[in-house]
C-alpha atoms as a PDB file:
ATOM      1  CA  MET A   1     -10.310  -9.723  22.657  1.00  0.00           C
ATOM      2  CA  GLY A   2      -7.300  -7.391  22.421  1.00  0.00           C
ATOM      3  CA  LYS A   3      -7.317  -3.654  22.526  1.00  0.00           C
ATOM      4  CA  GLU A   4      -9.392  -2.190  19.739  1.00  0.00           C
ATOM      5  CA  MET A   5      -7.889   0.389  17.433  1.00  0.00           C
ATOM      6  CA  SER A   6      -8.813   3.986  18.068  1.00  0.00           C
ATOM      7  CA  TYR A   7     -10.509   6.107  15.458  1.00  0.00           C
ATOM      8  CA  GLU A   8      -7.201   7.905  14.851  1.00  0.00           C
ATOM      9  CA  ASP A   9      -5.392   4.577  14.299  1.00  0.00           C
ATOM     10  CA  LEU A  10      -8.064   3.380  11.880  1.00  0.00           C
ATOM     11  CA  LYS A  11      -8.007   6.688  10.013  1.00  0.00           C
ATOM     12  CA  ARG A  12      -4.204   6.540   9.729  1.00  0.00           C
ATOM     13  CA  GLU A  13      -4.361   2.999   8.293  1.00  0.00           C
ATOM     14  CA  TYR A  14      -7.163   3.970   5.924  1.00  0.00           C
ATOM     15  CA  ASP A  15      -5.170   6.977   4.733  1.00  0.00           C
ATOM     16  CA  ARG A  16      -2.083   4.794   4.240  1.00  0.00           C
ATOM     17  CA  ALA A  17      -4.082   2.324   2.173  1.00  0.00           C
ATOM     18  CA  LYS A  18      -5.375   5.205   0.022  1.00  0.00           C
ATOM     19  CA  VAL A  19      -1.795   6.368  -0.644  1.00  0.00           C
ATOM     20  CA  TYR A  20      -0.800   2.885  -1.830  1.00  0.00           C
ATOM     21  CA  ILE A  21      -3.937   2.414  -3.935  1.00  0.00           C
ATOM     22  CA  LYS A  22      -3.472   5.813  -5.596  1.00  0.00           C
ATOM     23  CA  ALA A  23       0.183   5.027  -6.359  1.00  0.00           C
ATOM     24  CA  ALA A  24      -0.763   1.622  -7.807  1.00  0.00           C
ATOM     25  CA  HIS A  25      -3.495   3.261  -9.888  1.00  0.00           C
ATOM     26  CA  ASP A  26      -1.038   5.850 -11.203  1.00  0.00           C
ATOM     27  CA  LEU A  27       1.385   3.077 -12.122  1.00  0.00           C
ATOM     28  CA  LEU A  28      -1.301   1.140 -13.974  1.00  0.00           C
ATOM     29  CA  GLN A  29      -2.448   4.346 -15.679  1.00  0.00           C
ATOM     30  CA  LYS A  30       1.051   4.697 -17.152  1.00  0.00           C
ATOM     31  CA  GLN A  31       0.619   1.282 -18.762  1.00  0.00           C
ATOM     32  CA  LYS A  32      -2.875   2.063 -19.978  1.00  0.00           C
ATOM     33  CA  ASP A  33      -1.636   5.254 -21.637  1.00  0.00           C
ATOM     34  CA  ASN A  34       1.318   3.544 -23.323  1.00  0.00           C
ATOM     35  CA  TYR A  35       1.209   1.546 -26.536  1.00  0.00           C
ATOM     36  CA  TYR A  36       4.217  -0.545 -25.468  1.00  0.00           C
ATOM     37  CA  VAL A  37       4.336  -2.982 -22.573  1.00  0.00           C
ATOM     38  CA  LEU A  38       6.149  -1.295 -19.692  1.00  0.00           C
ATOM     39  CA  ASN A  39       8.219  -2.891 -16.973  1.00  0.00           C
ATOM     40  CA  LEU A  40       6.086  -1.575 -14.115  1.00  0.00           C
ATOM     41  CA  LEU A  41       8.733  -2.484 -11.546  1.00  0.00           C
ATOM     42  CA  THR A  42      11.021   0.135 -13.071  1.00  0.00           C
ATOM     43  CA  GLU A  43       8.416   2.824 -13.753  1.00  0.00           C
ATOM     44  CA  THR A  44       8.204   5.593 -11.170  1.00  0.00           C
ATOM     45  CA  VAL A  45       5.251   7.002  -9.282  1.00  0.00           C
ATOM     46  CA  PHE A  46       5.179   9.858  -6.794  1.00  0.00           C
ATOM     47  CA  TYR A  47       3.993   9.382  -3.207  1.00  0.00           C
ATOM     48  CA  ASP A  48       5.233  10.258   0.262  1.00  0.00           C
ATOM     49  CA  ASP A  49       6.861  13.358  -1.273  1.00  0.00           C
ATOM     50  CA  ALA A  50       9.254  11.244  -3.343  1.00  0.00           C
ATOM     51  CA  ASP A  51       9.537   9.322  -6.582  1.00  0.00           C
ATOM     52  CA  CYS A  52       9.321   5.588  -6.039  1.00  0.00           C
ATOM     53  CA  ASP A  53       9.612   2.849  -8.625  1.00  0.00           C
ATOM     54  CA  GLY A  54       7.202  -0.037  -8.945  1.00  0.00           C
ATOM     55  CA  TYR A  55       9.553  -2.355  -7.083  1.00  0.00           C
ATOM     56  CA  CYS A  56       9.618   0.022  -4.109  1.00  0.00           C
ATOM     57  CA  LEU A  57       5.800   0.192  -4.178  1.00  0.00           C
ATOM     58  CA  TYR A  58       5.649  -3.607  -4.364  1.00  0.00           C
ATOM     59  CA  GLU A  59       7.926  -3.988  -1.324  1.00  0.00           C
ATOM     60  CA  GLU A  60       6.145  -1.343   0.757  1.00  0.00           C
ATOM     61  CA  THR A  61       2.661  -2.641   0.041  1.00  0.00           C
ATOM     62  CA  GLY A  62       3.803  -6.192   0.806  1.00  0.00           C
ATOM     63  CA  GLU A  63       5.184  -5.120   4.164  1.00  0.00           C
ATOM     64  CA  TRP A  64       2.012  -3.165   4.924  1.00  0.00           C
ATOM     65  CA  LEU A  65      -0.173  -6.156   4.046  1.00  0.00           C
ATOM     66  CA  GLU A  66       1.925  -8.468   6.242  1.00  0.00           C
ATOM     67  CA  TRP A  67       1.611  -6.000   9.113  1.00  0.00           C
ATOM     68  CA  GLN A  68      -2.160  -5.840   8.629  1.00  0.00           C
ATOM     69  CA  GLU A  69      -2.327  -9.636   8.674  1.00  0.00           C
ATOM     70  CA  GLU A  70      -0.333  -9.695  11.930  1.00  0.00           C
ATOM     71  CA  LEU A  71      -2.763  -7.218  13.489  1.00  0.00           C
ATOM     72  CA  MET A  72      -5.736  -9.334  12.417  1.00  0.00           C
ATOM     73  CA  ASN A  73      -4.150 -12.534  13.727  1.00  0.00           C
ATOM     74  CA  ARG A  74      -3.300 -10.889  17.060  1.00  0.00           C
ATOM     75  CA  GLY A  75      -6.880  -9.730  17.426  1.00  0.00           C
ATOM     76  CA  ASN A  76      -8.235 -13.205  16.561  1.00  0.00           C
ATOM     77  CA  ASN A  77      -5.896 -14.965  19.018  1.00  0.00           C
ATOM     78  CA  ASP A  78      -6.791 -12.770  22.004  1.00  0.00           C
ATOM     79  CA  GLY A  79      -9.541 -14.036  24.183  1.00  0.00           C
END
């Protein structure tokens, strides 16, 4: 099996996932609080010290998920 992730690496990935989940929650909260249907790809949320629209969040979370999948596949193919 490949090199296991250190505690610090796991904590960093966990913290990153929390940032994305919080941003997604905030985006969905905007819809919940609004009578009209919103275009969530154009609505903004704040994370990483900046405003980011839903499309930006979509792209970043997609890239993060792909990277996580690569890590899992690398670990499964070692050995």
